[in-house]
Amino acid sequence: MFWRFGFHNASAIDSLLDKEDVSLEAILDEDDLLQECKAQNTRLIDFFQRTGVLKRLLGYVTGQIEGHEERGRFKYPYVATEVLCGEIWSIVETCIEGKTVDGSWATADLYERILCVGT
């Protein structure tokens, strides 16, 4: 309850987001990522709405980006799916409306297929 009044400790994700050159993979490696998503961390949501980041998230989910390590093959696609299917409506709207993503990625059909993968 204290987080609503600003009495919470800064998370590891917030400290990562303070860096200018933070990578999506560094964020996906954080253990408390899904909790921060569910808490609607605005800085984290803004990060996920960036064009390059959203493309990489969708790339992991659709299998267009495959990692050479175990994390890249298993963890990143799973966590990316959880982020995209986690009811963060501003990300859903960005995907469907295509505000920041080019036409090849931003279709309602593609996002509907991603939602089916996550369920």
N, C-alpha and C. Protein backbone atom coordinates (compact mmCIF):
# COMPACT_ATOMS: atom_id res chain seq x y z
N MET A 1 0.81 -1.19 0.00
CA MET A 1 0.00 0.00 0.00
C MET A 1 0.86 1.26 0.00
N PHE A 2 2.06 1.18 0.57
CA PHE A 2 2.90 2.35 0.66
C PHE A 2 3.40 2.82 -0.70
N TRP A 3 3.45 1.94 -1.71
CA TRP A 3 3.95 2.33 -3.01
C TRP A 3 3.04 3.37 -3.68
N ARG A 4 1.80 3.41 -3.31
CA ARG A 4 0.89 4.40 -3.89
C ARG A 4 1.19 5.81 -3.39
N PHE A 5 1.85 5.92 -2.27
CA PHE A 5 2.16 7.22 -1.70
C PHE A 5 3.61 7.61 -1.89
N GLY A 6 4.37 6.82 -2.66
CA GLY A 6 5.75 7.14 -2.94
C GLY A 6 6.73 6.69 -1.88
N PHE A 7 6.31 5.81 -0.97
CA PHE A 7 7.19 5.35 0.09
C PHE A 7 7.78 3.98 -0.22
N HIS A 8 8.25 3.80 -1.41
CA HIS A 8 8.84 2.52 -1.77
C HIS A 8 10.30 2.71 -2.14
N ASN A 9 11.06 1.65 -2.01
CA ASN A 9 12.46 1.69 -2.38
C ASN A 9 12.59 1.62 -3.89
N ALA A 10 13.63 2.24 -4.40
CA ALA A 10 13.88 2.17 -5.84
C ALA A 10 14.26 0.74 -6.20
N SER A 11 13.70 0.24 -7.26
CA SER A 11 13.97 -1.13 -7.66
C SER A 11 15.23 -1.19 -8.52
N ALA A 12 15.68 -2.40 -8.74
CA ALA A 12 16.84 -2.61 -9.60
C ALA A 12 16.53 -2.18 -11.03
N ILE A 13 15.29 -2.33 -11.43
CA ILE A 13 14.89 -1.92 -12.78
C ILE A 13 14.96 -0.41 -12.92
N ASP A 14 14.55 0.32 -11.88
CA ASP A 14 14.65 1.78 -11.94
C ASP A 14 16.10 2.22 -12.08
N SER A 15 17.00 1.55 -11.38
CA SER A 15 18.41 1.92 -11.50
C SER A 15 18.96 1.57 -12.89
N LEU A 16 18.46 0.48 -13.48
CA LEU A 16 18.86 0.16 -14.85
C LEU A 16 18.33 1.19 -15.84
N LEU A 17 17.10 1.63 -15.62
CA LEU A 17 16.50 2.61 -16.53
C LEU A 17 17.15 3.98 -16.42
N ASP A 18 17.89 4.23 -15.34
CA ASP A 18 18.63 5.48 -15.22
C ASP A 18 19.78 5.55 -16.21
N LYS A 19 20.26 4.40 -16.66
CA LYS A 19 21.33 4.35 -17.65
C LYS A 19 20.77 4.64 -19.03
N GLU A 20 21.52 5.39 -19.82
CA GLU A 20 21.05 5.74 -21.16
C GLU A 20 21.08 4.55 -22.11
N ASP A 21 22.04 3.68 -21.96
CA ASP A 21 22.25 2.61 -22.94
C ASP A 21 21.82 1.24 -22.41
N VAL A 22 20.77 1.21 -21.62
CA VAL A 22 20.29 -0.05 -21.06
C VAL A 22 19.70 -0.88 -22.19
N SER A 23 19.99 -2.16 -22.17
CA SER A 23 19.48 -3.05 -23.21
C SER A 23 18.21 -3.76 -22.74
N LEU A 24 17.43 -4.20 -23.69
CA LEU A 24 16.23 -4.96 -23.38
C LEU A 24 16.60 -6.23 -22.62
N GLU A 25 17.68 -6.86 -23.01
CA GLU A 25 18.08 -8.11 -22.38
C GLU A 25 18.43 -7.91 -20.91
N ALA A 26 19.03 -6.77 -20.59
CA ALA A 26 19.35 -6.49 -19.18
C ALA A 26 18.06 -6.35 -18.37
N ILE A 27 17.05 -5.75 -18.96
CA ILE A 27 15.76 -5.62 -18.28
C ILE A 27 15.09 -6.98 -18.15
N LEU A 28 15.12 -7.79 -19.22
CA LEU A 28 14.49 -9.10 -19.19
C LEU A 28 15.17 -10.05 -18.21
N ASP A 29 16.43 -9.79 -17.88
CA ASP A 29 17.16 -10.63 -16.92
C ASP A 29 16.79 -10.35 -15.48
N GLU A 30 16.13 -9.23 -15.21
CA GLU A 30 15.79 -8.87 -13.84
C GLU A 30 14.70 -9.78 -13.28
N ASP A 31 14.90 -10.22 -12.05
CA ASP A 31 13.95 -11.15 -11.42
C ASP A 31 12.60 -10.50 -11.11
N ASP A 32 12.60 -9.21 -10.81
CA ASP A 32 11.36 -8.56 -10.42
C ASP A 32 10.67 -7.84 -11.57
N LEU A 33 10.99 -8.20 -12.79
CA LEU A 33 10.42 -7.53 -13.96
C LEU A 33 8.90 -7.67 -14.02
N LEU A 34 8.40 -8.87 -13.86
CA LEU A 34 6.96 -9.08 -13.97
C LEU A 34 6.20 -8.38 -12.85
N GLN A 35 6.78 -8.33 -11.65
CA GLN A 35 6.14 -7.60 -10.56
C GLN A 35 6.09 -6.11 -10.86
N GLU A 36 7.15 -5.59 -11.46
CA GLU A 36 7.17 -4.17 -11.83
C GLU A 36 6.16 -3.88 -12.93
N CYS A 37 5.98 -4.82 -13.83
CA CYS A 37 4.97 -4.65 -14.88
C CYS A 37 3.58 -4.63 -14.27
N LYS A 38 3.31 -5.54 -13.36
CA LYS A 38 2.00 -5.59 -12.72
C LYS A 38 1.74 -4.35 -11.87
N ALA A 39 2.81 -3.76 -11.34
CA ALA A 39 2.68 -2.53 -10.55
C ALA A 39 2.57 -1.30 -11.44
N GLN A 40 2.59 -1.50 -12.76
CA GLN A 40 2.46 -0.41 -13.74
C GLN A 40 3.55 0.65 -13.56
N ASN A 41 4.80 0.21 -13.46
CA ASN A 41 5.93 1.11 -13.37
C ASN A 41 5.98 1.95 -14.65
N THR A 42 5.72 3.25 -14.53
CA THR A 42 5.58 4.10 -15.72
C THR A 42 6.87 4.21 -16.51
N ARG A 43 8.00 4.26 -15.84
CA ARG A 43 9.27 4.34 -16.56
C ARG A 43 9.52 3.06 -17.36
N LEU A 44 9.17 1.94 -16.78
CA LEU A 44 9.34 0.66 -17.46
C LEU A 44 8.39 0.56 -18.66
N ILE A 45 7.17 0.99 -18.48
CA ILE A 45 6.20 0.96 -19.58
C ILE A 45 6.64 1.88 -20.71
N ASP A 46 7.15 3.06 -20.37
CA ASP A 46 7.67 3.96 -21.40
C ASP A 46 8.84 3.33 -22.15
N PHE A 47 9.67 2.59 -21.43
CA PHE A 47 10.79 1.89 -22.08
C PHE A 47 10.27 0.86 -23.06
N PHE A 48 9.28 0.09 -22.68
CA PHE A 48 8.73 -0.95 -23.56
C PHE A 48 8.00 -0.37 -24.77
N GLN A 49 7.57 0.87 -24.70
CA GLN A 49 6.86 1.49 -25.81
C GLN A 49 7.81 2.08 -26.86
N ARG A 50 9.10 2.08 -26.61
CA ARG A 50 10.05 2.57 -27.61
C ARG A 50 10.04 1.63 -28.81
N THR A 51 10.22 2.20 -29.98
CA THR A 51 10.12 1.44 -31.22
C THR A 51 11.07 0.25 -31.24
N GLY A 52 12.34 0.48 -30.98
CA GLY A 52 13.32 -0.59 -31.04
C GLY A 52 13.08 -1.67 -30.00
N VAL A 53 12.67 -1.27 -28.83
CA VAL A 53 12.41 -2.22 -27.74
C VAL A 53 11.19 -3.07 -28.07
N LEU A 54 10.13 -2.43 -28.54
CA LEU A 54 8.92 -3.17 -28.87
C LEU A 54 9.15 -4.14 -30.03
N LYS A 55 9.95 -3.73 -31.00
CA LYS A 55 10.30 -4.64 -32.09
C LYS A 55 11.05 -5.86 -31.58
N ARG A 56 11.98 -5.65 -30.66
CA ARG A 56 12.75 -6.77 -30.12
C ARG A 56 11.86 -7.69 -29.27
N LEU A 57 10.95 -7.11 -28.48
CA LEU A 57 10.00 -7.93 -27.72
C LEU A 57 9.19 -8.82 -28.66
N LEU A 58 8.64 -8.21 -29.70
CA LEU A 58 7.85 -8.97 -30.66
C LEU A 58 8.72 -9.98 -31.41
N GLY A 59 9.97 -9.63 -31.66
CA GLY A 59 10.89 -10.55 -32.32
C GLY A 59 11.17 -11.79 -31.48
N TYR A 60 11.33 -11.61 -30.19
CA TYR A 60 11.53 -12.77 -29.30
C TYR A 60 10.29 -13.65 -29.28
N VAL A 61 9.12 -13.03 -29.23
CA VAL A 61 7.88 -13.81 -29.13
C VAL A 61 7.62 -14.59 -30.41
N THR A 62 7.86 -13.97 -31.55
CA THR A 62 7.57 -14.62 -32.82
C THR A 62 8.68 -15.54 -33.29
N GLY A 63 9.81 -15.56 -32.59
CA GLY A 63 10.92 -16.44 -32.96
C GLY A 63 11.83 -15.85 -34.02
N GLN A 64 11.65 -14.59 -34.36
CA GLN A 64 12.51 -13.96 -35.35
C GLN A 64 13.87 -13.58 -34.77
N ILE A 65 13.93 -13.47 -33.46
CA ILE A 65 15.20 -13.23 -32.78
C ILE A 65 15.46 -14.46 -31.93
N GLU A 66 16.54 -15.12 -32.22
CA GLU A 66 16.91 -16.30 -31.43
C GLU A 66 18.28 -16.06 -30.83
N GLY A 67 18.40 -16.34 -29.57
CA GLY A 67 19.68 -16.19 -28.91
C GLY A 67 20.52 -17.45 -29.02
N HIS A 68 21.80 -17.27 -28.87
CA HIS A 68 22.71 -18.40 -28.92
C HIS A 68 22.86 -19.07 -27.57
N GLU A 69 22.55 -18.33 -26.54
CA GLU A 69 22.62 -18.88 -25.19
C GLU A 69 21.26 -19.42 -24.79
N GLU A 70 21.24 -20.12 -23.67
CA GLU A 70 19.97 -20.68 -23.18
C GLU A 70 18.97 -19.59 -22.85
N ARG A 71 19.45 -18.47 -22.29
CA ARG A 71 18.54 -17.37 -21.95
C ARG A 71 17.88 -16.81 -23.20
N GLY A 72 18.62 -16.70 -24.27
CA GLY A 72 18.08 -16.15 -25.51
C GLY A 72 17.10 -17.06 -26.19
N ARG A 73 17.24 -18.35 -25.97
CA ARG A 73 16.33 -19.30 -26.61
C ARG A 73 15.09 -19.59 -25.78
N PHE A 74 15.21 -19.51 -24.46
CA PHE A 74 14.11 -19.92 -23.61
C PHE A 74 13.56 -18.80 -22.73
N LYS A 75 14.45 -18.15 -21.99
CA LYS A 75 13.99 -17.16 -21.02
C LYS A 75 13.43 -15.91 -21.69
N TYR A 76 14.17 -15.32 -22.63
CA TYR A 76 13.74 -14.07 -23.23
C TYR A 76 12.40 -14.19 -23.96
N PRO A 77 12.17 -15.22 -24.77
CA PRO A 77 10.84 -15.34 -25.40
C PRO A 77 9.71 -15.51 -24.38
N TYR A 78 9.97 -16.28 -23.32
CA TYR A 78 8.95 -16.47 -22.30
C TYR A 78 8.63 -15.17 -21.57
N VAL A 79 9.66 -14.46 -21.13
CA VAL A 79 9.44 -13.21 -20.40
C VAL A 79 8.84 -12.15 -21.30
N ALA A 80 9.27 -12.09 -22.56
CA ALA A 80 8.70 -11.12 -23.50
C ALA A 80 7.21 -11.39 -23.70
N THR A 81 6.83 -12.67 -23.78
CA THR A 81 5.42 -13.02 -23.91
C THR A 81 4.64 -12.59 -22.67
N GLU A 82 5.21 -12.81 -21.51
CA GLU A 82 4.55 -12.41 -20.27
C GLU A 82 4.37 -10.89 -20.20
N VAL A 83 5.36 -10.15 -20.67
CA VAL A 83 5.26 -8.68 -20.66
C VAL A 83 4.16 -8.23 -21.61
N LEU A 84 4.14 -8.79 -22.82
CA LEU A 84 3.15 -8.36 -23.80
C LEU A 84 1.73 -8.81 -23.46
N CYS A 85 1.61 -9.88 -22.71
CA CYS A 85 0.28 -10.39 -22.34
C CYS A 85 -0.10 -10.01 -20.93
N GLY A 86 0.64 -9.12 -20.32
CA GLY A 86 0.43 -8.77 -18.92
C GLY A 86 -0.57 -7.67 -18.67
N GLU A 87 -1.43 -7.39 -19.62
CA GLU A 87 -2.48 -6.38 -19.45
C GLU A 87 -1.93 -4.99 -19.17
N ILE A 88 -0.84 -4.65 -19.85
CA ILE A 88 -0.35 -3.28 -19.82
C ILE A 88 -0.95 -2.61 -21.05
N TRP A 89 -2.07 -1.95 -20.85
CA TRP A 89 -2.90 -1.52 -21.96
C TRP A 89 -2.23 -0.50 -22.85
N SER A 90 -1.33 0.29 -22.34
CA SER A 90 -0.66 1.26 -23.21
C SER A 90 0.25 0.55 -24.21
N ILE A 91 0.84 -0.57 -23.84
CA ILE A 91 1.64 -1.34 -24.78
C ILE A 91 0.73 -2.02 -25.81
N VAL A 92 -0.39 -2.54 -25.34
CA VAL A 92 -1.35 -3.16 -26.25
C VAL A 92 -1.83 -2.14 -27.28
N GLU A 93 -2.17 -0.95 -26.81
CA GLU A 93 -2.63 0.10 -27.72
C GLU A 93 -1.55 0.50 -28.71
N THR A 94 -0.30 0.56 -28.25
CA THR A 94 0.80 0.90 -29.14
C THR A 94 0.94 -0.15 -30.23
N CYS A 95 0.80 -1.42 -29.87
CA CYS A 95 0.90 -2.49 -30.87
C CYS A 95 -0.25 -2.44 -31.86
N ILE A 96 -1.45 -2.24 -31.38
CA ILE A 96 -2.62 -2.30 -32.25
C ILE A 96 -2.76 -1.04 -33.10
N GLU A 97 -2.54 0.11 -32.51
CA GLU A 97 -2.70 1.36 -33.25
C GLU A 97 -1.50 1.67 -34.12
N GLY A 98 -0.35 1.11 -33.78
CA GLY A 98 0.84 1.34 -34.59
C GLY A 98 1.38 2.76 -34.48
N LYS A 99 1.28 3.35 -33.29
CA LYS A 99 1.76 4.72 -33.13
C LYS A 99 3.26 4.84 -33.35
N THR A 100 4.03 3.90 -32.82
CA THR A 100 5.47 4.02 -32.90
C THR A 100 6.13 2.86 -33.63
N VAL A 101 5.33 1.96 -34.14
CA VAL A 101 5.91 0.79 -34.78
C VAL A 101 5.54 0.83 -36.26
N ASP A 102 6.47 0.41 -37.12
CA ASP A 102 6.16 0.43 -38.55
C ASP A 102 5.09 -0.60 -38.88
N GLY A 103 4.51 -0.48 -40.05
CA GLY A 103 3.35 -1.27 -40.43
C GLY A 103 3.58 -2.77 -40.44
N SER A 104 4.82 -3.23 -40.62
CA SER A 104 5.05 -4.67 -40.67
C SER A 104 4.88 -5.32 -39.31
N TRP A 105 4.97 -4.55 -38.25
CA TRP A 105 4.84 -5.11 -36.90
C TRP A 105 3.50 -4.79 -36.26
N ALA A 106 2.93 -3.66 -36.60
CA ALA A 106 1.79 -3.15 -35.85
C ALA A 106 0.47 -3.51 -36.50
N THR A 107 0.10 -4.74 -36.40
CA THR A 107 -1.21 -5.13 -36.88
C THR A 107 -1.95 -5.82 -35.76
N ALA A 108 -3.24 -5.65 -35.75
CA ALA A 108 -4.05 -6.29 -34.72
C ALA A 108 -3.96 -7.80 -34.83
N ASP A 109 -3.82 -8.31 -36.06
CA ASP A 109 -3.73 -9.75 -36.28
C ASP A 109 -2.49 -10.33 -35.60
N LEU A 110 -1.35 -9.65 -35.74
CA LEU A 110 -0.12 -10.13 -35.12
C LEU A 110 -0.25 -10.15 -33.60
N TYR A 111 -0.81 -9.09 -33.04
CA TYR A 111 -0.94 -9.05 -31.58
C TYR A 111 -1.92 -10.10 -31.08
N GLU A 112 -2.97 -10.35 -31.84
CA GLU A 112 -3.91 -11.41 -31.45
C GLU A 112 -3.22 -12.77 -31.44
N ARG A 113 -2.32 -13.01 -32.42
CA ARG A 113 -1.57 -14.27 -32.42
C ARG A 113 -0.65 -14.36 -31.21
N ILE A 114 -0.06 -13.24 -30.82
CA ILE A 114 0.81 -13.23 -29.65
C ILE A 114 -0.01 -13.54 -28.39
N LEU A 115 -1.20 -12.96 -28.29
CA LEU A 115 -2.05 -13.23 -27.13
C LEU A 115 -2.42 -14.71 -27.06
N CYS A 116 -2.61 -15.34 -28.18
CA CYS A 116 -2.93 -16.77 -28.19
C CYS A 116 -1.73 -17.60 -27.72
N VAL A 117 -0.50 -17.14 -28.04
CA VAL A 117 0.70 -17.85 -27.58
C VAL A 117 0.80 -17.76 -26.08
N GLY A 118 0.47 -16.61 -25.49
CA GLY A 118 0.62 -16.38 -24.07
C GLY A 118 -0.42 -17.09 -23.21
N THR A 119 -1.48 -17.55 -23.80
CA THR A 119 -2.52 -18.18 -22.99
C THR A 119 -2.46 -19.68 -23.05
